[in-house]
Amino acid sequence: MFAAAVTRHWLPPVPDGGGFSLTVDAALDEEERLTVLVTADGRTRIRLTPAMAETLGRPRDEPEFRQRLASAGILLHGADNLFYFTDEAREKLLAEPDDTSVRPLTGSDAEAFAAFEAAASEQDLDDASVELDHWAVYGAFADGQLAAVASMYPWRDAPLADLGVVTLPAHRGKGHARRLVRAISRHALGREHEPQYRCQLDNHASIALAASAGLTLFGTWDIVSPGSPR
């Protein structure tokens, strides 16, 4: 259903644990010393460092895992939805031409991009993390002005490209973000990267955008909160 690059990254081979599995991984960095993936089919996969495994032991299921987290005072950061194109949706995407109102942005668009940033809220820019110098950047124009911007950067060391998009309030509800997501996703696929769309669980507008752009929920992903015990 999803590309092999997606499943290889998120679903490495583990012993059959039914709906719950825990893998100790000494290669995890400090920021991701504990991660929790819950796939759309309800399976939970925990990855953690040896030090975290020593703290939490070997819980048998997710309720016991959550109980041990609470007992150890370990907090999670807050899960993100993970969306990807299915095989069928990817074929449709690649067969579709770009809209003429959407194009890649370059250094020559710095002035237009600066004006866009000035018009966007700080919260929107922080949440989406769009940058003109990212691995790929696309803009949607309306009346000669940037109405929306999407950018991507490679995710970890996997062939995945993490996507962020911001639309100025005056231009929302007009399909700009949908066209951007699809255009920049075609670009990523052309560079042999699978587009990855993340958003918080309560960001209903972003969830709706993912669906309208043809993406499908793969699961939710959470990491340990930075201030939690090590």
C-alpha atoms as a PDB file:
ATOM      1  CA  MET A   1       0.000   0.000   0.000  1.00  0.00           C
ATOM      2  CA  PHE A   2       2.782   2.435   0.972  1.00  0.00           C
ATOM      3  CA  ALA A   3       6.173   2.731  -0.689  1.00  0.00           C
ATOM      4  CA  ALA A   4       8.957   0.409   0.450  1.00  0.00           C
ATOM      5  CA  ALA A   5      10.998   3.432   1.562  1.00  0.00           C
ATOM      6  CA  VAL A   6       8.279   4.304   4.073  1.00  0.00           C
ATOM      7  CA  THR A   7       7.822   0.822   5.506  1.00  0.00           C
ATOM      8  CA  ARG A   8      11.570   0.138   5.662  1.00  0.00           C
ATOM      9  CA  HIS A   9      12.121   3.303   7.696  1.00  0.00           C
ATOM     10  CA  TRP A  10       9.239   2.934  10.134  1.00  0.00           C
ATOM     11  CA  LEU A  11       8.703  -0.815  10.277  1.00  0.00           C
ATOM     12  CA  PRO A  12      12.061  -2.592  10.606  1.00  0.00           C
ATOM     13  CA  PRO A  13      11.861  -6.351  11.148  1.00  0.00           C
ATOM     14  CA  VAL A  14      11.038  -7.188  14.773  1.00  0.00           C
ATOM     15  CA  PRO A  15      10.006 -10.408  16.524  1.00  0.00           C
ATOM     16  CA  ASP A  16       6.282 -11.011  16.234  1.00  0.00           C
ATOM     17  CA  GLY A  17       4.737  -9.313  19.246  1.00  0.00           C
ATOM     18  CA  GLY A  18       1.207  -9.056  17.963  1.00  0.00           C
ATOM     19  CA  GLY A  19      -0.002  -5.491  18.323  1.00  0.00           C
ATOM     20  CA  PHE A  20       2.874  -4.363  20.554  1.00  0.00           C
ATOM     21  CA  SER A  21       6.634  -4.582  20.060  1.00  0.00           C
ATOM     22  CA  LEU A  22       9.637  -3.016  21.781  1.00  0.00           C
ATOM     23  CA  THR A  23      13.081  -2.703  20.199  1.00  0.00           C
ATOM     24  CA  VAL A  24      16.237  -1.623  22.027  1.00  0.00           C
ATOM     25  CA  ASP A  25      18.426   0.407  19.679  1.00  0.00           C
ATOM     26  CA  ALA A  26      21.797   1.751  20.838  1.00  0.00           C
ATOM     27  CA  ALA A  27      22.065   3.878  17.665  1.00  0.00           C
ATOM     28  CA  LEU A  28      19.222   6.223  18.688  1.00  0.00           C
ATOM     29  CA  ASP A  29      20.361   9.766  19.393  1.00  0.00           C
ATOM     30  CA  GLU A  30      19.557  11.618  22.612  1.00  0.00           C
ATOM     31  CA  GLU A  31      16.605  13.492  21.124  1.00  0.00           C
ATOM     32  CA  GLU A  32      14.949  10.241  20.070  1.00  0.00           C
ATOM     33  CA  ARG A  33      16.007   8.018  22.946  1.00  0.00           C
ATOM     34  CA  LEU A  34      12.398   6.878  23.146  1.00  0.00           C
ATOM     35  CA  THR A  35       9.966   6.882  20.226  1.00  0.00           C
ATOM     36  CA  VAL A  36       6.414   5.576  19.895  1.00  0.00           C
ATOM     37  CA  LEU A  37       4.879   4.692  16.535  1.00  0.00           C
ATOM     38  CA  VAL A  38       1.223   3.686  16.387  1.00  0.00           C
ATOM     39  CA  THR A  39       0.289   2.604  12.877  1.00  0.00           C
ATOM     40  CA  ALA A  40      -3.169   3.196  11.441  1.00  0.00           C
ATOM     41  CA  ASP A  41      -4.022  -0.475  11.990  1.00  0.00           C
ATOM     42  CA  GLY A  42      -3.516  -0.029  15.748  1.00  0.00           C
ATOM     43  CA  ARG A  43      -0.107  -1.648  16.183  1.00  0.00           C
ATOM     44  CA  THR A  44       2.347   0.018  18.583  1.00  0.00           C
ATOM     45  CA  ARG A  45       6.104  -0.076  18.051  1.00  0.00           C
ATOM     46  CA  ILE A  46       8.453   1.273  20.713  1.00  0.00           C
ATOM     47  CA  ARG A  47      12.121   2.050  20.057  1.00  0.00           C
ATOM     48  CA  LEU A  48      14.381   3.071  22.925  1.00  0.00           C
ATOM     49  CA  THR A  49      18.013   3.251  23.984  1.00  0.00           C
ATOM     50  CA  PRO A  50      19.536   0.684  26.361  1.00  0.00           C
ATOM     51  CA  ALA A  51      19.477   3.299  29.156  1.00  0.00           C
ATOM     52  CA  MET A  52      15.760   3.908  28.675  1.00  0.00           C
ATOM     53  CA  ALA A  53      15.150   0.156  28.501  1.00  0.00           C
ATOM     54  CA  GLU A  54      16.909  -0.231  31.838  1.00  0.00           C
ATOM     55  CA  THR A  55      14.554   2.380  33.328  1.00  0.00           C
ATOM     56  CA  LEU A  56      11.349   0.968  31.831  1.00  0.00           C
ATOM     57  CA  GLY A  57      12.100  -2.736  31.740  1.00  0.00           C
ATOM     58  CA  ARG A  58      10.137  -4.931  29.331  1.00  0.00           C
ATOM     59  CA  PRO A  59       6.429  -4.029  29.385  1.00  0.00           C
ATOM     60  CA  ARG A  60       4.187  -6.690  27.867  1.00  0.00           C
ATOM     61  CA  ASP A  61       1.672  -4.377  26.242  1.00  0.00           C
ATOM     62  CA  GLU A  62       0.865  -0.714  25.649  1.00  0.00           C
ATOM     63  CA  PRO A  63      -1.145  -0.112  28.862  1.00  0.00           C
ATOM     64  CA  GLU A  64       1.762  -1.459  30.930  1.00  0.00           C
ATOM     65  CA  PHE A  65       4.199   0.646  28.898  1.00  0.00           C
ATOM     66  CA  ARG A  66       2.167   3.802  29.545  1.00  0.00           C
ATOM     67  CA  GLN A  67       1.955   2.937  33.238  1.00  0.00           C
ATOM     68  CA  ARG A  68       5.714   2.518  33.473  1.00  0.00           C
ATOM     69  CA  LEU A  69       6.254   5.846  31.708  1.00  0.00           C
ATOM     70  CA  ALA A  70       4.095   7.569  34.319  1.00  0.00           C
ATOM     71  CA  SER A  71       5.818   5.816  37.215  1.00  0.00           C
ATOM     72  CA  ALA A  72       9.244   6.883  35.911  1.00  0.00           C
ATOM     73  CA  GLY A  73       8.108  10.489  35.351  1.00  0.00           C
ATOM     74  CA  ILE A  74       8.807  10.209  31.621  1.00  0.00           C
ATOM     75  CA  LEU A  75       6.691  12.464  29.417  1.00  0.00           C
ATOM     76  CA  LEU A  76       6.147  12.305  25.679  1.00  0.00           C
ATOM     77  CA  HIS A  77       6.420  15.395  23.491  1.00  0.00           C
ATOM     78  CA  GLY A  78       3.029  15.015  21.780  1.00  0.00           C
ATOM     79  CA  ALA A  79       2.269  12.848  18.770  1.00  0.00           C
ATOM     80  CA  ASP A  80       2.230  13.914  15.132  1.00  0.00           C
ATOM     81  CA  ASN A  81       0.155  12.352  12.388  1.00  0.00           C
ATOM     82  CA  LEU A  82       2.234  10.832   9.587  1.00  0.00           C
ATOM     83  CA  PHE A  83       0.751  10.944   6.080  1.00  0.00           C
ATOM     84  CA  TYR A  84       2.107   9.421   2.843  1.00  0.00           C
ATOM     85  CA  PHE A  85       0.881   8.695  -0.666  1.00  0.00           C
ATOM     86  CA  THR A  86      -0.268   5.158  -1.298  1.00  0.00           C
ATOM     87  CA  ASP A  87       0.978   3.395  -4.427  1.00  0.00           C
ATOM     88  CA  GLU A  88      -2.259   4.159  -6.257  1.00  0.00           C
ATOM     89  CA  ALA A  89      -2.298   7.824  -5.191  1.00  0.00           C
ATOM     90  CA  ARG A  90       1.334   8.232  -6.224  1.00  0.00           C
ATOM     91  CA  GLU A  91       0.552   7.030  -9.749  1.00  0.00           C
ATOM     92  CA  LYS A  92      -2.242   9.587 -10.077  1.00  0.00           C
ATOM     93  CA  LEU A  93       0.010  12.322  -8.694  1.00  0.00           C
ATOM     94  CA  LEU A  94       2.798  11.640 -11.175  1.00  0.00           C
ATOM     95  CA  ALA A  95       0.362  11.703 -14.101  1.00  0.00           C
ATOM     96  CA  GLU A  96      -0.955  15.136 -13.158  1.00  0.00           C
ATOM     97  CA  PRO A  97       0.620  18.334 -14.579  1.00  0.00           C
ATOM     98  CA  ASP A  98       1.582  21.226 -12.297  1.00  0.00           C
ATOM     99  CA  ASP A  99      -0.772  24.150 -12.027  1.00  0.00           C
ATOM    100  CA  THR A 100       0.580  27.271 -13.733  1.00  0.00           C
ATOM    101  CA  SER A 101       0.106  29.301 -10.532  1.00  0.00           C
ATOM    102  CA  VAL A 102       2.682  27.103  -8.749  1.00  0.00           C
ATOM    103  CA  ARG A 103       6.431  27.073  -9.363  1.00  0.00           C
ATOM    104  CA  PRO A 104       9.769  26.415  -7.634  1.00  0.00           C
ATOM    105  CA  LEU A 105      11.270  29.323  -5.688  1.00  0.00           C
ATOM    106  CA  THR A 106      14.936  30.321  -5.906  1.00  0.00           C
ATOM    107  CA  GLY A 107      17.223  32.947  -4.454  1.00  0.00           C
ATOM    108  CA  SER A 108      15.827  35.455  -6.939  1.00  0.00           C
ATOM    109  CA  ASP A 109      12.513  35.227  -5.022  1.00  0.00           C
ATOM    110  CA  ALA A 110      14.097  36.450  -1.783  1.00  0.00           C
ATOM    111  CA  GLU A 111      12.222  39.764  -1.774  1.00  0.00           C
ATOM    112  CA  ALA A 112       8.859  38.110  -2.425  1.00  0.00           C
ATOM    113  CA  PHE A 113       9.596  35.490   0.231  1.00  0.00           C
ATOM    114  CA  ALA A 114      10.547  38.171   2.785  1.00  0.00           C
ATOM    115  CA  ALA A 115       7.243  39.941   2.119  1.00  0.00           C
ATOM    116  CA  PHE A 116       5.441  36.623   2.554  1.00  0.00           C
ATOM    117  CA  GLU A 117       7.158  36.005   5.908  1.00  0.00           C
ATOM    118  CA  ALA A 118       6.256  39.498   7.080  1.00  0.00           C
ATOM    119  CA  ALA A 119       2.594  38.853   6.271  1.00  0.00           C
ATOM    120  CA  ALA A 120       2.458  35.402   7.917  1.00  0.00           C
ATOM    121  CA  SER A 121       2.044  34.841  11.642  1.00  0.00           C
ATOM    122  CA  GLU A 122       5.051  33.746  13.678  1.00  0.00           C
ATOM    123  CA  GLN A 123       3.071  30.727  14.871  1.00  0.00           C
ATOM    124  CA  ASP A 124       2.315  29.567  11.317  1.00  0.00           C
ATOM    125  CA  LEU A 125       5.972  29.949  10.303  1.00  0.00           C
ATOM    126  CA  ASP A 126       7.191  28.056  13.379  1.00  0.00           C
ATOM    127  CA  ASP A 127       4.681  25.236  12.929  1.00  0.00           C
ATOM    128  CA  ALA A 128       5.407  24.693   9.233  1.00  0.00           C
ATOM    129  CA  SER A 129       9.124  25.546   9.190  1.00  0.00           C
ATOM    130  CA  VAL A 130       9.211  26.753   5.581  1.00  0.00           C
ATOM    131  CA  GLU A 131      12.542  28.186   4.445  1.00  0.00           C
ATOM    132  CA  LEU A 132      13.761  29.569   1.123  1.00  0.00           C
ATOM    133  CA  ASP A 133      17.036  27.609   1.372  1.00  0.00           C
ATOM    134  CA  HIS A 134      15.435  24.223   1.993  1.00  0.00           C
ATOM    135  CA  TRP A 135      16.065  21.167  -0.209  1.00  0.00           C
ATOM    136  CA  ALA A 136      12.950  22.072  -2.249  1.00  0.00           C
ATOM    137  CA  VAL A 137      10.747  25.182  -2.097  1.00  0.00           C
ATOM    138  CA  TYR A 138       7.578  25.927  -4.091  1.00  0.00           C
ATOM    139  CA  GLY A 139       5.299  28.949  -4.096  1.00  0.00           C
ATOM    140  CA  ALA A 140       1.726  29.598  -5.178  1.00  0.00           C
ATOM    141  CA  PHE A 141       1.024  33.065  -6.566  1.00  0.00           C
ATOM    142  CA  ALA A 142      -2.123  35.183  -6.631  1.00  0.00           C
ATOM    143  CA  ASP A 143      -2.194  38.607  -8.296  1.00  0.00           C
ATOM    144  CA  GLY A 144       1.582  38.506  -8.605  1.00  0.00           C
ATOM    145  CA  GLN A 145       2.155  37.954  -4.874  1.00  0.00           C
ATOM    146  CA  LEU A 146       3.137  34.843  -2.941  1.00  0.00           C
ATOM    147  CA  ALA A 147      -0.042  33.445  -1.420  1.00  0.00           C
ATOM    148  CA  ALA A 148       1.360  30.169  -0.076  1.00  0.00           C
ATOM    149  CA  VAL A 149       4.744  28.480   0.283  1.00  0.00           C
ATOM    150  CA  ALA A 150       5.758  24.859   0.791  1.00  0.00           C
ATOM    151  CA  SER A 151       9.244  23.576   1.478  1.00  0.00           C
ATOM    152  CA  MET A 152      10.892  20.220   2.100  1.00  0.00           C
ATOM    153  CA  TYR A 153      14.053  18.803   3.629  1.00  0.00           C
ATOM    154  CA  PRO A 154      15.333  15.209   3.791  1.00  0.00           C
ATOM    155  CA  TRP A 155      14.143  13.338   6.889  1.00  0.00           C
ATOM    156  CA  ARG A 156      16.974  11.839   8.925  1.00  0.00           C
ATOM    157  CA  ASP A 157      19.048   9.599   6.634  1.00  0.00           C
ATOM    158  CA  ALA A 158      16.018   8.030   4.949  1.00  0.00           C
ATOM    159  CA  PRO A 159      14.759   8.718   1.406  1.00  0.00           C
ATOM    160  CA  LEU A 160      11.839  10.693   2.862  1.00  0.00           C
ATOM    161  CA  ALA A 161      11.205  14.432   2.396  1.00  0.00           C
ATOM    162  CA  ASP A 162       9.455  16.199   5.267  1.00  0.00           C
ATOM    163  CA  LEU A 163       6.969  18.810   4.091  1.00  0.00           C
ATOM    164  CA  GLY A 164       5.719  22.078   5.559  1.00  0.00           C
ATOM    165  CA  VAL A 165       3.234  24.513   4.024  1.00  0.00           C
ATOM    166  CA  VAL A 166       1.907  27.970   4.970  1.00  0.00           C
ATOM    167  CA  THR A 167      -0.926  29.883   3.318  1.00  0.00           C
ATOM    168  CA  LEU A 168      -1.557  33.531   4.125  1.00  0.00           C
ATOM    169  CA  PRO A 169      -4.964  34.026   5.807  1.00  0.00           C
ATOM    170  CA  ALA A 170      -6.396  36.122   2.978  1.00  0.00           C
ATOM    171  CA  HIS A 171      -5.721  33.313   0.480  1.00  0.00           C
ATOM    172  CA  ARG A 172      -6.981  30.298   2.413  1.00  0.00           C
ATOM    173  CA  GLY A 173      -9.765  28.108   1.106  1.00  0.00           C
ATOM    174  CA  LYS A 174      -8.782  28.641  -2.535  1.00  0.00           C
ATOM    175  CA  GLY A 175      -6.825  25.446  -3.169  1.00  0.00           C
ATOM    176  CA  HIS A 176      -3.336  26.994  -3.096  1.00  0.00           C
ATOM    177  CA  ALA A 177      -1.990  24.657  -0.398  1.00  0.00           C
ATOM    178  CA  ARG A 178      -3.393  21.557  -2.104  1.00  0.00           C
ATOM    179  CA  ARG A 179      -1.744  22.464  -5.408  1.00  0.00           C
ATOM    180  CA  LEU A 180       1.532  23.217  -3.627  1.00  0.00           C
ATOM    181  CA  VAL A 181       1.582  19.930  -1.744  1.00  0.00           C
ATOM    182  CA  ARG A 182       0.990  17.968  -4.918  1.00  0.00           C
ATOM    183  CA  ALA A 183       3.528  19.939  -6.977  1.00  0.00           C
ATOM    184  CA  ILE A 184       6.346  19.740  -4.430  1.00  0.00           C
ATOM    185  CA  SER A 185       5.546  16.070  -3.835  1.00  0.00           C
ATOM    186  CA  ARG A 186       6.027  15.339  -7.530  1.00  0.00           C
ATOM    187  CA  HIS A 187       9.377  17.116  -7.277  1.00  0.00           C
ATOM    188  CA  ALA A 188      10.406  14.925  -4.324  1.00  0.00           C
ATOM    189  CA  LEU A 189       9.410  11.734  -6.118  1.00  0.00           C
ATOM    190  CA  GLY A 190      11.485  12.866  -9.089  1.00  0.00           C
ATOM    191  CA  ARG A 191      14.438  13.028  -6.718  1.00  0.00           C
ATOM    192  CA  GLU A 192      13.646   9.541  -5.368  1.00  0.00           C
ATOM    193  CA  HIS A 193      12.265  10.739  -2.031  1.00  0.00           C
ATOM    194  CA  GLU A 194       8.851   9.902  -0.632  1.00  0.00           C
ATOM    195  CA  PRO A 195       6.889  12.981   0.498  1.00  0.00           C
ATOM    196  CA  GLN A 196       6.174  12.975   4.229  1.00  0.00           C
ATOM    197  CA  TYR A 197       3.427  15.169   5.693  1.00  0.00           C
ATOM    198  CA  ARG A 198       3.309  15.619   9.470  1.00  0.00           C
ATOM    199  CA  CYS A 199       0.866  17.552  11.634  1.00  0.00           C
ATOM    200  CA  GLN A 200      -0.351  17.586  15.211  1.00  0.00           C
ATOM    201  CA  LEU A 201      -3.352  15.462  16.091  1.00  0.00           C
ATOM    202  CA  ASP A 202      -5.577  18.459  16.820  1.00  0.00           C
ATOM    203  CA  ASN A 203      -4.664  20.439  13.694  1.00  0.00           C
ATOM    204  CA  HIS A 204      -7.901  19.715  11.860  1.00  0.00           C
ATOM    205  CA  ALA A 205      -7.205  22.127   9.003  1.00  0.00           C
ATOM    206  CA  SER A 206      -3.881  20.436   8.291  1.00  0.00           C
ATOM    207  CA  ILE A 207      -5.473  16.986   8.473  1.00  0.00           C
ATOM    208  CA  ALA A 208      -8.106  18.116   5.963  1.00  0.00           C
ATOM    209  CA  LEU A 209      -5.375  19.443   3.664  1.00  0.00           C
ATOM    210  CA  ALA A 210      -3.549  16.109   3.750  1.00  0.00           C
ATOM    211  CA  ALA A 211      -6.718  14.317   2.697  1.00  0.00           C
ATOM    212  CA  SER A 212      -7.528  16.795  -0.069  1.00  0.00           C
ATOM    213  CA  ALA A 213      -3.977  16.487  -1.421  1.00  0.00           C
ATOM    214  CA  GLY A 214      -4.409  12.706  -1.709  1.00  0.00           C
ATOM    215  CA  LEU A 215      -2.332  11.585   1.284  1.00  0.00           C
ATOM    216  CA  THR A 216      -3.277   8.708   3.566  1.00  0.00           C
ATOM    217  CA  LEU A 217      -2.674   8.380   7.303  1.00  0.00           C
ATOM    218  CA  PHE A 218       0.167   5.945   8.027  1.00  0.00           C
ATOM    219  CA  GLY A 219       0.106   6.367  11.797  1.00  0.00           C
ATOM    220  CA  THR A 220       1.146   8.633  14.652  1.00  0.00           C
ATOM    221  CA  TRP A 221       4.666   9.190  15.927  1.00  0.00           C
ATOM    222  CA  ASP A 222       5.809  10.551  19.274  1.00  0.00           C
ATOM    223  CA  ILE A 223       9.152  11.089  20.991  1.00  0.00           C
ATOM    224  CA  VAL A 224      10.249  11.623  24.555  1.00  0.00           C
ATOM    225  CA  SER A 225       9.898  15.140  25.930  1.00  0.00           C
ATOM    226  CA  PRO A 226      13.297  16.899  26.152  1.00  0.00           C
ATOM    227  CA  GLY A 227      12.963  17.485  29.918  1.00  0.00           C
ATOM    228  CA  SER A 228      12.198  13.865  30.806  1.00  0.00           C
ATOM    229  CA  PRO A 229      14.623  11.704  32.840  1.00  0.00           C
ATOM    230  CA  ARG A 230      17.389  10.001  30.927  1.00  0.00           C
END
